[in-house]
Each structure stands twice: as structure tokens, then as C-alpha cells.
């Protein structure tokens, strides 16, 4: 099993990403609104305001998506879709992703 994290700087991609992953059979993704460190300090510490130009468009928030995947084939399909979607924008700095192996995974609660 693998845990795939994707930090999407272009919020406009989120709906299409989730829909595409659903088509691949990935239904357990979690989405969190996050803020990068450069974005945060450029907003709250005036001396660092010039750092805004280092971010992709000056927005304050990203979307971080993570999901557990049960096979390397599904991981590769999810990554291929994510990369293709970001390349279609024709823009740099659409976000980052990484995957890590999961040592333990179990559902919590009463088994049906």
C-alpha cells in the first residue's frame, strides 16, 4: 500500500483531479486547505512581501490531497493522471506530489 500526497497550487484543477481519480477507482481521498511557508510569511511579515513573486500567482492557499492506494499500479495511474492534468495547463508551478509506503492500514470501528 502507498500514501499519495499532492499539493495543488492551482485550485481550478481540484474538481477535475478528484473526478479523474474517481474514474480510476480512487474514492477515499481527503482534501485539506493548506498554506505554504513563503505564502504565509509574505502575507504576515511586511519585510518579506517581495517573496510573493516566488509563489504561483500570489494566492494564499493550496489544496493538499492525500489518499491510500492498495497497489503500485493504482499509484502509477493516479500519478500519471495528476501529471497529465497539470501539464495541460501549460503553466509552471502547479504543485508537488510524493508517495510513501504504508506499513500498517486498517479501518476503524465495528466491522459489518
PDB file of N, CA and C in Angstrom:
ATOM      1  N   UNK A   1       0.841  -1.191   0.000  1.00  0.00           N
ATOM      2  CA  UNK A   1       0.000   0.000   0.000  1.00  0.00           C
ATOM      3  C   UNK A   1       0.877   1.243   0.000  1.00  0.00           C
ATOM      4  N   UNK A   2       0.308   2.324  -0.503  1.00  0.00           N
ATOM      5  CA  UNK A   2       1.026   3.589  -0.614  1.00  0.00           C
ATOM      6  C   UNK A   2       0.119   4.727  -0.157  1.00  0.00           C
ATOM      7  N   UNK A   3       0.752   5.790   0.324  1.00  0.00           N
ATOM      8  CA  UNK A   3       0.039   7.016   0.647  1.00  0.00           C
ATOM      9  C   UNK A   3       0.545   8.081  -0.312  1.00  0.00           C
ATOM     10  N   UNK A   4      -0.357   8.598  -1.126  1.00  0.00           N
ATOM     11  CA  UNK A   4      -0.024   9.617  -2.121  1.00  0.00           C
ATOM     12  C   UNK A   4      -0.481  10.972  -1.609  1.00  0.00           C
ATOM     13  N   UNK A   5       0.444  11.928  -1.581  1.00  0.00           N
ATOM     14  CA  UNK A   5       0.160  13.315  -1.219  1.00  0.00           C
ATOM     15  C   UNK A   5       0.340  14.173  -2.462  1.00  0.00           C
ATOM     16  N   UNK A   6      -0.574  15.096  -2.701  1.00  0.00           N
ATOM     17  CA  UNK A   6      -0.435  16.067  -3.787  1.00  0.00           C
ATOM     18  C   UNK A   6      -0.802  17.441  -3.232  1.00  0.00           C
ATOM     19  N   UNK A   7       0.092  18.402  -3.401  1.00  0.00           N
ATOM     20  CA  UNK A   7      -0.183  19.785  -3.012  1.00  0.00           C
ATOM     21  C   UNK A   7      -0.422  20.546  -4.308  1.00  0.00           C
ATOM     22  N   UNK A   8      -1.657  20.975  -4.515  1.00  0.00           N
ATOM     23  CA  UNK A   8      -2.070  21.622  -5.755  1.00  0.00           C
ATOM     24  C   UNK A   8      -2.140  23.127  -5.531  1.00  0.00           C
ATOM     25  N   UNK A   9      -1.316  23.858  -6.271  1.00  0.00           N
ATOM     26  CA  UNK A   9      -1.317  25.312  -6.142  1.00  0.00           C
ATOM     27  C   UNK A   9      -2.398  25.961  -7.000  1.00  0.00           C
ATOM     28  N   UNK A  10      -2.871  25.244  -8.004  1.00  0.00           N
ATOM     29  CA  UNK A  10      -3.907  25.752  -8.892  1.00  0.00           C
ATOM     30  C   UNK A  10      -5.234  25.110  -8.491  1.00  0.00           C
ATOM     31  N   UNK A  11      -6.012  25.815  -7.709  1.00  0.00           N
ATOM     32  CA  UNK A  11      -7.268  25.283  -7.175  1.00  0.00           C
ATOM     33  C   UNK A  11      -8.259  24.909  -8.277  1.00  0.00           C
ATOM     34  N   UNK A  12      -8.123  25.515  -9.450  1.00  0.00           N
ATOM     35  CA  UNK A  12      -9.026  25.215 -10.561  1.00  0.00           C
ATOM     36  C   UNK A  12      -8.910  23.762 -11.020  1.00  0.00           C
ATOM     37  N   UNK A  13      -7.818  23.085 -10.687  1.00  0.00           N
ATOM     38  CA  UNK A  13      -7.607  21.699 -11.096  1.00  0.00           C
ATOM     39  C   UNK A  13      -8.292  20.695 -10.170  1.00  0.00           C
ATOM     40  N   UNK A  14      -8.713  21.124  -9.011  1.00  0.00           N
ATOM     41  CA  UNK A  14      -9.178  20.208  -7.976  1.00  0.00           C
ATOM     42  C   UNK A  14     -10.357  19.347  -8.414  1.00  0.00           C
ATOM     43  N   UNK A  15     -11.408  19.932  -8.965  1.00  0.00           N
ATOM     44  CA  UNK A  15     -12.592  19.162  -9.355  1.00  0.00           C
ATOM     45  C   UNK A  15     -12.252  18.103 -10.398  1.00  0.00           C
ATOM     46  N   UNK A  16     -11.472  18.489 -11.396  1.00  0.00           N
ATOM     47  CA  UNK A  16     -11.107  17.549 -12.444  1.00  0.00           C
ATOM     48  C   UNK A  16     -10.198  16.446 -11.905  1.00  0.00           C
ATOM     49  N   UNK A  17      -9.318  16.792 -10.964  1.00  0.00           N
ATOM     50  CA  UNK A  17      -8.443  15.794 -10.360  1.00  0.00           C
ATOM     51  C   UNK A  17      -9.259  14.764  -9.579  1.00  0.00           C
ATOM     52  N   UNK A  18     -10.159  15.222  -8.734  1.00  0.00           N
ATOM     53  CA  UNK A  18     -10.970  14.303  -7.937  1.00  0.00           C
ATOM     54  C   UNK A  18     -11.843  13.437  -8.846  1.00  0.00           C
ATOM     55  N   UNK A  19     -12.442  14.035  -9.867  1.00  0.00           N
ATOM     56  CA  UNK A  19     -13.272  13.282 -10.802  1.00  0.00           C
ATOM     57  C   UNK A  19     -12.450  12.226 -11.548  1.00  0.00           C
ATOM     58  N   UNK A  20     -11.262  12.615 -11.997  1.00  0.00           N
ATOM     59  CA  UNK A  20     -10.396  11.664 -12.696  1.00  0.00           C
ATOM     60  C   UNK A  20      -9.965  10.519 -11.808  1.00  0.00           C
ATOM     61  N   UNK A  21      -9.632  10.836 -10.561  1.00  0.00           N
ATOM     62  CA  UNK A  21      -9.256   9.777  -9.621  1.00  0.00           C
ATOM     63  C   UNK A  21     -10.447   8.869  -9.324  1.00  0.00           C
ATOM     64  N   UNK A  22     -11.648   9.431  -9.225  1.00  0.00           N
ATOM     65  CA  UNK A  22     -12.838   8.596  -9.029  1.00  0.00           C
ATOM     66  C   UNK A  22     -13.006   7.625 -10.186  1.00  0.00           C
ATOM     67  N   UNK A  23     -12.768   8.091 -11.411  1.00  0.00           N
ATOM     68  CA  UNK A  23     -12.844   7.228 -12.591  1.00  0.00           C
ATOM     69  C   UNK A  23     -11.836   6.084 -12.527  1.00  0.00           C
ATOM     70  N   UNK A  24     -10.708   6.319 -11.836  1.00  0.00           N
ATOM     71  CA  UNK A  24      -9.690   5.279 -11.669  1.00  0.00           C
ATOM     72  C   UNK A  24     -10.022   4.323 -10.519  1.00  0.00           C
ATOM     73  N   UNK A  25     -11.061   4.654  -9.753  1.00  0.00           N
ATOM     74  CA  UNK A  25     -11.442   3.824  -8.619  1.00  0.00           C
ATOM     75  C   UNK A  25     -10.913   4.326  -7.284  1.00  0.00           C
ATOM     76  N   UNK A  26     -10.406   5.546  -7.269  1.00  0.00           N
ATOM     77  CA  UNK A  26      -9.880   6.142  -6.033  1.00  0.00           C
ATOM     78  C   UNK A  26     -10.986   6.995  -5.423  1.00  0.00           C
ATOM     79  N   UNK A  27     -11.594   6.491  -4.358  1.00  0.00           N
ATOM     80  CA  UNK A  27     -12.735   7.204  -3.782  1.00  0.00           C
ATOM     81  C   UNK A  27     -12.479   7.700  -2.365  1.00  0.00           C
ATOM     82  N   UNK A  28     -11.322   7.408  -1.803  1.00  0.00           N
ATOM     83  CA  UNK A  28     -11.075   7.767  -0.416  1.00  0.00           C
ATOM     84  C   UNK A  28     -10.122   8.923  -0.215  1.00  0.00           C
ATOM     85  N   UNK A  29     -10.058   9.850  -1.145  1.00  0.00           N
ATOM     86  CA  UNK A  29      -9.143  10.983  -0.999  1.00  0.00           C
ATOM     87  C   UNK A  29      -9.675  11.993   0.009  1.00  0.00           C
ATOM     88  N   UNK A  30      -8.745  12.629   0.724  1.00  0.00           N
ATOM     89  CA  UNK A  30      -9.071  13.697   1.670  1.00  0.00           C
ATOM     90  C   UNK A  30      -8.419  14.983   1.174  1.00  0.00           C
ATOM     91  N   UNK A  31      -9.151  16.082   1.227  1.00  0.00           N
ATOM     92  CA  UNK A  31      -8.659  17.378   0.755  1.00  0.00           C
ATOM     93  C   UNK A  31      -8.598  18.337   1.932  1.00  0.00           C
ATOM     94  N   UNK A  32      -7.447  19.002   2.071  1.00  0.00           N
ATOM     95  CA  UNK A  32      -7.238  19.971   3.144  1.00  0.00           C
ATOM     96  C   UNK A  32      -6.763  21.281   2.522  1.00  0.00           C
ATOM     97  N   UNK A  33      -7.275  22.393   3.009  1.00  0.00           N
ATOM     98  CA  UNK A  33      -6.753  23.699   2.577  1.00  0.00           C
ATOM     99  C   UNK A  33      -5.479  23.968   3.360  1.00  0.00           C
ATOM    100  N   UNK A  34      -4.395  24.267   2.651  1.00  0.00           N
ATOM    101  CA  UNK A  34      -3.098  24.491   3.281  1.00  0.00           C
ATOM    102  C   UNK A  34      -2.475  25.787   2.783  1.00  0.00           C
ATOM    103  N   UNK A  35      -1.481  26.256   3.513  1.00  0.00           N
ATOM    104  CA  UNK A  35      -0.763  27.472   3.160  1.00  0.00           C
ATOM    105  C   UNK A  35       0.723  27.183   3.203  1.00  0.00           C
ATOM    106  N   UNK A  36       1.436  27.530   2.133  1.00  0.00           N
ATOM    107  CA  UNK A  36       2.881  27.348   2.101  1.00  0.00           C
ATOM    108  C   UNK A  36       3.582  28.374   2.988  1.00  0.00           C
ATOM    109  N   UNK A  37       4.777  28.037   3.438  1.00  0.00           N
ATOM    110  CA  UNK A  37       5.528  28.911   4.337  1.00  0.00           C
ATOM    111  C   UNK A  37       5.828  30.268   3.696  1.00  0.00           C
ATOM    112  N   UNK A  38       6.233  30.264   2.423  1.00  0.00           N
ATOM    113  CA  UNK A  38       6.531  31.537   1.751  1.00  0.00           C
ATOM    114  C   UNK A  38       5.277  32.381   1.639  1.00  0.00           C
ATOM    115  N   UNK A  39       4.157  31.744   1.313  1.00  0.00           N
ATOM    116  CA  UNK A  39       2.899  32.477   1.238  1.00  0.00           C
ATOM    117  C   UNK A  39       2.543  33.086   2.584  1.00  0.00           C
ATOM    118  N   UNK A  40       2.737  32.316   3.637  1.00  0.00           N
ATOM    119  CA  UNK A  40       2.383  32.769   4.971  1.00  0.00           C
ATOM    120  C   UNK A  40       3.232  33.961   5.415  1.00  0.00           C
ATOM    121  N   UNK A  41       4.546  33.842   5.309  1.00  0.00           N
ATOM    122  CA  UNK A  41       5.377  34.950   5.801  1.00  0.00           C
ATOM    123  C   UNK A  41       5.284  36.178   4.911  1.00  0.00           C
ATOM    124  N   UNK A  42       5.024  35.988   3.605  1.00  0.00           N
ATOM    125  CA  UNK A  42       4.899  37.157   2.739  1.00  0.00           C
ATOM    126  C   UNK A  42       3.626  37.940   3.044  1.00  0.00           C
ATOM    127  N   UNK A  43       2.620  37.289   3.617  1.00  0.00           N
ATOM    128  CA  UNK A  43       1.371  37.955   3.986  1.00  0.00           C
ATOM    129  C   UNK A  43       1.440  38.613   5.359  1.00  0.00           C
ATOM    130  N   UNK A  44       2.196  38.007   6.285  1.00  0.00           N
ATOM    131  CA  UNK A  44       2.156  38.451   7.675  1.00  0.00           C
ATOM    132  C   UNK A  44       3.385  39.222   8.139  1.00  0.00           C
ATOM    133  N   UNK A  45       4.442  39.181   7.379  1.00  0.00           N
ATOM    134  CA  UNK A  45       5.652  39.907   7.755  1.00  0.00           C
ATOM    135  C   UNK A  45       6.017  40.826   6.591  1.00  0.00           C
ATOM    136  N   UNK A  46       5.732  42.121   6.710  1.00  0.00           N
ATOM    137  CA  UNK A  46       5.889  43.050   5.587  1.00  0.00           C
ATOM    138  C   UNK A  46       7.264  43.029   4.918  1.00  0.00           C
ATOM    139  N   UNK A  47       8.315  42.797   5.655  1.00  0.00           N
ATOM    140  CA  UNK A  47       9.647  42.818   5.064  1.00  0.00           C
ATOM    141  C   UNK A  47       9.829  41.704   4.026  1.00  0.00           C
ATOM    142  N   UNK A  48       9.018  40.652   4.127  1.00  0.00           N
ATOM    143  CA  UNK A  48       9.106  39.524   3.201  1.00  0.00           C
ATOM    144  C   UNK A  48       8.070  39.591   2.073  1.00  0.00           C
ATOM    145  N   UNK A  49       7.384  40.691   1.911  1.00  0.00           N
ATOM    146  CA  UNK A  49       6.327  40.803   0.904  1.00  0.00           C
ATOM    147  C   UNK A  49       6.840  40.514  -0.503  1.00  0.00           C
ATOM    148  N   UNK A  50       8.105  40.802  -0.777  1.00  0.00           N
ATOM    149  CA  UNK A  50       8.673  40.531  -2.092  1.00  0.00           C
ATOM    150  C   UNK A  50       8.731  39.060  -2.438  1.00  0.00           C
ATOM    151  N   UNK A  51       8.624  38.198  -1.445  1.00  0.00           N
ATOM    152  CA  UNK A  51       8.648  36.759  -1.699  1.00  0.00           C
ATOM    153  C   UNK A  51       7.393  36.278  -2.420  1.00  0.00           C
ATOM    154  N   UNK A  52       6.349  37.084  -2.451  1.00  0.00           N
ATOM    155  CA  UNK A  52       5.112  36.678  -3.127  1.00  0.00           C
ATOM    156  C   UNK A  52       5.367  36.310  -4.576  1.00  0.00           C
ATOM    157  N   UNK A  53       6.353  36.967  -5.196  1.00  0.00           N
ATOM    158  CA  UNK A  53       6.642  36.677  -6.599  1.00  0.00           C
ATOM    159  C   UNK A  53       7.193  35.267  -6.794  1.00  0.00           C
ATOM    160  N   UNK A  54       7.657  34.618  -5.721  1.00  0.00           N
ATOM    161  CA  UNK A  54       8.167  33.255  -5.819  1.00  0.00           C
ATOM    162  C   UNK A  54       7.060  32.218  -5.817  1.00  0.00           C
ATOM    163  N   UNK A  55       5.849  32.616  -5.456  1.00  0.00           N
ATOM    164  CA  UNK A  55       4.734  31.677  -5.445  1.00  0.00           C
ATOM    165  C   UNK A  55       4.002  31.769  -6.778  1.00  0.00           C
ATOM    166  N   UNK A  56       3.135  30.830  -7.037  1.00  0.00           N
ATOM    167  CA  UNK A  56       2.455  30.749  -8.340  1.00  0.00           C
ATOM    168  C   UNK A  56       1.185  31.580  -8.361  1.00  0.00           C
ATOM    169  N   UNK A  57       1.288  32.839  -8.497  1.00  0.00           N
ATOM    170  CA  UNK A  57       0.102  33.653  -8.643  1.00  0.00           C
ATOM    171  C   UNK A  57      -0.293  34.428  -7.410  1.00  0.00           C
ATOM    172  N   UNK A  58       0.446  34.297  -6.354  1.00  0.00           N
ATOM    173  CA  UNK A  58       0.201  35.119  -5.190  1.00  0.00           C
ATOM    174  C   UNK A  58      -0.953  34.699  -4.313  1.00  0.00           C
ATOM    175  N   UNK A  59      -1.633  33.597  -4.658  1.00  0.00           N
ATOM    176  CA  UNK A  59      -2.733  33.133  -3.818  1.00  0.00           C
ATOM    177  C   UNK A  59      -2.210  32.689  -2.466  1.00  0.00           C
ATOM    178  N   UNK A  60      -3.093  32.662  -1.487  1.00  0.00           N
ATOM    179  CA  UNK A  60      -2.646  32.317  -0.138  1.00  0.00           C
ATOM    180  C   UNK A  60      -2.805  30.849   0.181  1.00  0.00           C
ATOM    181  N   UNK A  61      -3.636  30.131  -0.550  1.00  0.00           N
ATOM    182  CA  UNK A  61      -3.947  28.777  -0.140  1.00  0.00           C
ATOM    183  C   UNK A  61      -3.705  27.764  -1.253  1.00  0.00           C
ATOM    184  N   UNK A  62      -3.330  26.571  -0.834  1.00  0.00           N
ATOM    185  CA  UNK A  62      -3.202  25.419  -1.714  1.00  0.00           C
ATOM    186  C   UNK A  62      -4.244  24.403  -1.270  1.00  0.00           C
ATOM    187  N   UNK A  63      -4.383  23.368  -2.054  1.00  0.00           N
ATOM    188  CA  UNK A  63      -5.198  22.222  -1.654  1.00  0.00           C
ATOM    189  C   UNK A  63      -4.252  21.033  -1.548  1.00  0.00           C
ATOM    190  N   UNK A  64      -4.229  20.408  -0.397  1.00  0.00           N
ATOM    191  CA  UNK A  64      -3.427  19.209  -0.195  1.00  0.00           C
ATOM    192  C   UNK A  64      -4.376  18.021  -0.179  1.00  0.00           C
ATOM    193  N   UNK A  65      -4.113  17.071  -1.054  1.00  0.00           N
ATOM    194  CA  UNK A  65      -4.943  15.891  -1.201  1.00  0.00           C
ATOM    195  C   UNK A  65      -4.102  14.689  -0.805  1.00  0.00           C
ATOM    196  N   UNK A  66      -4.647  13.798   0.002  1.00  0.00           N
ATOM    197  CA  UNK A  66      -3.934  12.562   0.271  1.00  0.00           C
ATOM    198  C   UNK A  66      -4.898  11.387   0.222  1.00  0.00           C
ATOM    199  N   UNK A  67      -4.355  10.241  -0.203  1.00  0.00           N
ATOM    200  CA  UNK A  67      -5.168   9.050  -0.341  1.00  0.00           C
ATOM    201  C   UNK A  67      -4.312   7.800  -0.210  1.00  0.00           C
ATOM    202  N   UNK A  68      -4.874   6.770   0.389  1.00  0.00           N
ATOM    203  CA  UNK A  68      -4.206   5.475   0.495  1.00  0.00           C
ATOM    204  C   UNK A  68      -4.571   4.649  -0.737  1.00  0.00           C
ATOM    205  N   UNK A  69      -3.564   4.049  -1.352  1.00  0.00           N
ATOM    206  CA  UNK A  69      -3.766   3.257  -2.563  1.00  0.00           C
ATOM    207  C   UNK A  69      -3.244   1.848  -2.335  1.00  0.00           C
ATOM    208  N   UNK A  70      -4.000   0.855  -2.779  1.00  0.00           N
ATOM    209  CA  UNK A  70      -3.654  -0.521  -2.433  1.00  0.00           C
ATOM    210  C   UNK A  70      -2.719  -1.228  -3.399  1.00  0.00           C
ATOM    211  N   UNK A  71      -2.290  -0.564  -4.465  1.00  0.00           N
ATOM    212  CA  UNK A  71      -1.358  -1.219  -5.384  1.00  0.00           C
ATOM    213  C   UNK A  71      -0.457  -0.184  -6.054  1.00  0.00           C
ATOM    214  N   UNK A  72       0.690  -0.663  -6.500  1.00  0.00           N
ATOM    215  CA  UNK A  72       1.609   0.216  -7.222  1.00  0.00           C
ATOM    216  C   UNK A  72       1.020   0.619  -8.573  1.00  0.00           C
ATOM    217  N   UNK A  73       0.242  -0.272  -9.185  1.00  0.00           N
ATOM    218  CA  UNK A  73      -0.400   0.050 -10.468  1.00  0.00           C
ATOM    219  C   UNK A  73      -1.374   1.220 -10.309  1.00  0.00           C
ATOM    220  N   UNK A  74      -2.167   1.214  -9.235  1.00  0.00           N
ATOM    221  CA  UNK A  74      -3.109   2.313  -8.989  1.00  0.00           C
ATOM    222  C   UNK A  74      -2.355   3.595  -8.653  1.00  0.00           C
ATOM    223  N   UNK A  75      -1.272   3.488  -7.889  1.00  0.00           N
ATOM    224  CA  UNK A  75      -0.429   4.642  -7.593  1.00  0.00           C
ATOM    225  C   UNK A  75       0.091   5.255  -8.882  1.00  0.00           C
ATOM    226  N   UNK A  76       0.626   4.425  -9.772  1.00  0.00           N
ATOM    227  CA  UNK A  76       1.172   4.925 -11.038  1.00  0.00           C
ATOM    228  C   UNK A  76       0.094   5.567 -11.903  1.00  0.00           C
ATOM    229  N   UNK A  77      -1.103   4.993 -11.915  1.00  0.00           N
ATOM    230  CA  UNK A  77      -2.211   5.575 -12.684  1.00  0.00           C
ATOM    231  C   UNK A  77      -2.626   6.929 -12.105  1.00  0.00           C
ATOM    232  N   UNK A  78      -2.683   7.022 -10.777  1.00  0.00           N
ATOM    233  CA  UNK A  78      -3.057   8.284 -10.118  1.00  0.00           C
ATOM    234  C   UNK A  78      -2.028   9.372 -10.416  1.00  0.00           C
ATOM    235  N   UNK A  79      -0.753   9.009 -10.355  1.00  0.00           N
ATOM    236  CA  UNK A  79       0.315   9.979 -10.637  1.00  0.00           C
ATOM    237  C   UNK A  79       0.288  10.397 -12.104  1.00  0.00           C
ATOM    238  N   UNK A  80       0.105   9.455 -13.002  1.00  0.00           N
ATOM    239  CA  UNK A  80       0.063   9.779 -14.435  1.00  0.00           C
ATOM    240  C   UNK A  80      -1.075  10.752 -14.731  1.00  0.00           C
ATOM    241  N   UNK A  81      -2.247  10.520 -14.117  1.00  0.00           N
ATOM    242  CA  UNK A  81      -3.371  11.431 -14.332  1.00  0.00           C
ATOM    243  C   UNK A  81      -3.059  12.813 -13.775  1.00  0.00           C
ATOM    244  N   UNK A  82      -2.493  12.862 -12.571  1.00  0.00           N
ATOM    245  CA  UNK A  82      -2.140  14.136 -11.938  1.00  0.00           C
ATOM    246  C   UNK A  82      -1.140  14.910 -12.791  1.00  0.00           C
ATOM    247  N   UNK A  83      -0.085  14.246 -13.241  1.00  0.00           N
ATOM    248  CA  UNK A  83       0.928  14.910 -14.065  1.00  0.00           C
ATOM    249  C   UNK A  83       0.333  15.412 -15.376  1.00  0.00           C
ATOM    250  N   UNK A  84      -0.485  14.595 -16.025  1.00  0.00           N
ATOM    251  CA  UNK A  84      -1.114  14.984 -17.286  1.00  0.00           C
ATOM    252  C   UNK A  84      -2.014  16.209 -17.103  1.00  0.00           C
ATOM    253  N   UNK A  85      -2.804  16.194 -16.042  1.00  0.00           N
ATOM    254  CA  UNK A  85      -3.710  17.308 -15.754  1.00  0.00           C
ATOM    255  C   UNK A  85      -2.931  18.609 -15.561  1.00  0.00           C
ATOM    256  N   UNK A  86      -1.838  18.555 -14.816  1.00  0.00           N
ATOM    257  CA  UNK A  86      -1.042  19.755 -14.549  1.00  0.00           C
ATOM    258  C   UNK A  86      -0.313  20.229 -15.805  1.00  0.00           C
ATOM    259  N   UNK A  87       0.146  19.307 -16.635  1.00  0.00           N
ATOM    260  CA  UNK A  87       0.822  19.680 -17.882  1.00  0.00           C
ATOM    261  C   UNK A  87      -0.134  20.359 -18.846  1.00  0.00           C
ATOM    262  N   UNK A  88      -1.401  19.961 -18.841  1.00  0.00           N
ATOM    263  CA  UNK A  88      -2.396  20.540 -19.746  1.00  0.00           C
ATOM    264  C   UNK A  88      -2.602  22.030 -19.527  1.00  0.00           C
ATOM    265  N   UNK A  89      -2.280  22.534 -18.345  1.00  0.00           N
ATOM    266  CA  UNK A  89      -2.473  23.954 -18.075  1.00  0.00           C
ATOM    267  C   UNK A  89      -1.474  24.804 -18.844  1.00  0.00           C
ATOM    268  N   UNK A  90      -0.327  24.210 -19.196  1.00  0.00           N
ATOM    269  CA  UNK A  90       0.721  24.961 -19.879  1.00  0.00           C
ATOM    270  C   UNK A  90       1.441  25.940 -18.961  1.00  0.00           C
ATOM    271  N   UNK A  91       1.233  25.801 -17.659  1.00  0.00           N
ATOM    272  CA  UNK A  91       1.827  26.713 -16.683  1.00  0.00           C
ATOM    273  C   UNK A  91       2.818  25.960 -15.792  1.00  0.00           C
ATOM    274  N   UNK A  92       3.863  26.647 -15.337  1.00  0.00           N
ATOM    275  CA  UNK A  92       4.764  26.031 -14.355  1.00  0.00           C
ATOM    276  C   UNK A  92       4.157  26.132 -12.955  1.00  0.00           C
ATOM    277  N   UNK A  93       4.772  25.465 -12.006  1.00  0.00           N
ATOM    278  CA  UNK A  93       4.422  25.612 -10.581  1.00  0.00           C
ATOM    279  C   UNK A  93       2.959  25.282 -10.282  1.00  0.00           C
ATOM    280  N   UNK A  94       2.510  24.124 -10.697  1.00  0.00           N
ATOM    281  CA  UNK A  94       1.136  23.711 -10.412  1.00  0.00           C
ATOM    282  C   UNK A  94       1.030  22.978  -9.084  1.00  0.00           C
ATOM    283  N   UNK A  95       2.180  22.613  -8.508  1.00  0.00           N
ATOM    284  CA  UNK A  95       2.177  21.929  -7.225  1.00  0.00           C
ATOM    285  C   UNK A  95       3.259  20.873  -7.163  1.00  0.00           C
ATOM    286  N   UNK A  96       3.164  20.003  -6.177  1.00  0.00           N
ATOM    287  CA  UNK A  96       4.119  18.912  -5.990  1.00  0.00           C
ATOM    288  C   UNK A  96       3.352  17.673  -5.519  1.00  0.00           C
ATOM    289  N   UNK A  97       3.995  16.514  -5.639  1.00  0.00           N
ATOM    290  CA  UNK A  97       3.425  15.309  -5.074  1.00  0.00           C
ATOM    291  C   UNK A  97       4.544  14.417  -4.570  1.00  0.00           C
ATOM    292  N   UNK A  98       4.198  13.514  -3.674  1.00  0.00           N
ATOM    293  CA  UNK A  98       5.117  12.466  -3.247  1.00  0.00           C
ATOM    294  C   UNK A  98       4.292  11.292  -2.720  1.00  0.00           C
ATOM    295  N   UNK A  99       4.905  10.128  -2.728  1.00  0.00           N
ATOM    296  CA  UNK A  99       4.236   8.924  -2.237  1.00  0.00           C
ATOM    297  C   UNK A  99       5.172   8.203  -1.275  1.00  0.00           C
ATOM    298  N   UNK A 100       4.582   7.598  -0.261  1.00  0.00           N
ATOM    299  CA  UNK A 100       5.349   6.832   0.728  1.00  0.00           C
ATOM    300  C   UNK A 100       4.645   5.494   0.948  1.00  0.00           C
ATOM    301  N   UNK A 101       5.430   4.467   1.245  1.00  0.00           N
ATOM    302  CA  UNK A 101       4.793   3.181   1.557  1.00  0.00           C
ATOM    303  C   UNK A 101       4.074   3.243   2.900  1.00  0.00           C
ATOM    304  N   UNK A 102       3.003   2.478   3.010  1.00  0.00           N
ATOM    305  CA  UNK A 102       2.240   2.387   4.262  1.00  0.00           C
ATOM    306  C   UNK A 102       2.611   1.074   4.941  1.00  0.00           C
ATOM    307  N   UNK A 103       3.058   1.160   6.187  1.00  0.00           N
ATOM    308  CA  UNK A 103       3.425  -0.044   6.933  1.00  0.00           C
ATOM    309  C   UNK A 103       2.191  -0.748   7.504  1.00  0.00           C
ATOM    310  N   UNK A 104       1.213   0.027   7.944  1.00  0.00           N
ATOM    311  CA  UNK A 104       0.002  -0.545   8.544  1.00  0.00           C
ATOM    312  C   UNK A 104      -1.202   0.236   8.036  1.00  0.00           C
ATOM    313  N   UNK A 105      -2.293  -0.461   7.794  1.00  0.00           N
ATOM    314  CA  UNK A 105      -3.534   0.184   7.381  1.00  0.00           C
ATOM    315  C   UNK A 105      -4.693  -0.672   7.874  1.00  0.00           C
ATOM    316  N   UNK A 106      -5.662  -0.050   8.500  1.00  0.00           N
ATOM    317  CA  UNK A 106      -6.870  -0.746   8.927  1.00  0.00           C
ATOM    318  C   UNK A 106      -8.001   0.257   9.061  1.00  0.00           C
ATOM    319  N   UNK A 107      -9.195  -0.200   8.838  1.00  0.00           N
ATOM    320  CA  UNK A 107     -10.379   0.641   9.058  1.00  0.00           C
ATOM    321  C   UNK A 107     -10.757   0.553  10.526  1.00  0.00           C
ATOM    322  N   UNK A 108     -11.253   1.655  11.058  1.00  0.00           N
ATOM    323  CA  UNK A 108     -11.627   1.716  12.471  1.00  0.00           C
ATOM    324  C   UNK A 108     -13.127   1.604  12.637  1.00  0.00           C
ATOM    325  N   UNK A 109     -13.550   1.072  13.734  1.00  0.00           N
ATOM    326  CA  UNK A 109     -14.972   0.953  14.013  1.00  0.00           C
ATOM    327  C   UNK A 109     -15.423  -0.496  13.974  1.00  0.00           C
ATOM    328  N   UNK A 110     -16.702  -0.681  14.077  1.00  0.00           N
ATOM    329  CA  UNK A 110     -17.300  -2.013  14.087  1.00  0.00           C
ATOM    330  C   UNK A 110     -17.312  -2.556  12.661  1.00  0.00           C
ATOM    331  N   UNK A 111     -16.847  -3.796  12.503  1.00  0.00           N
ATOM    332  CA  UNK A 111     -16.860  -4.440  11.190  1.00  0.00           C
ATOM    333  C   UNK A 111     -18.271  -4.879  10.855  1.00  0.00           C
ATOM    334  N   UNK A 112     -18.686  -4.650   9.623  1.00  0.00           N
ATOM    335  CA  UNK A 112     -20.032  -5.063   9.170  1.00  0.00           C
ATOM    336  C   UNK A 112     -19.991  -6.434   8.566  1.00  0.00           C
TER     337      UNK A 112
END
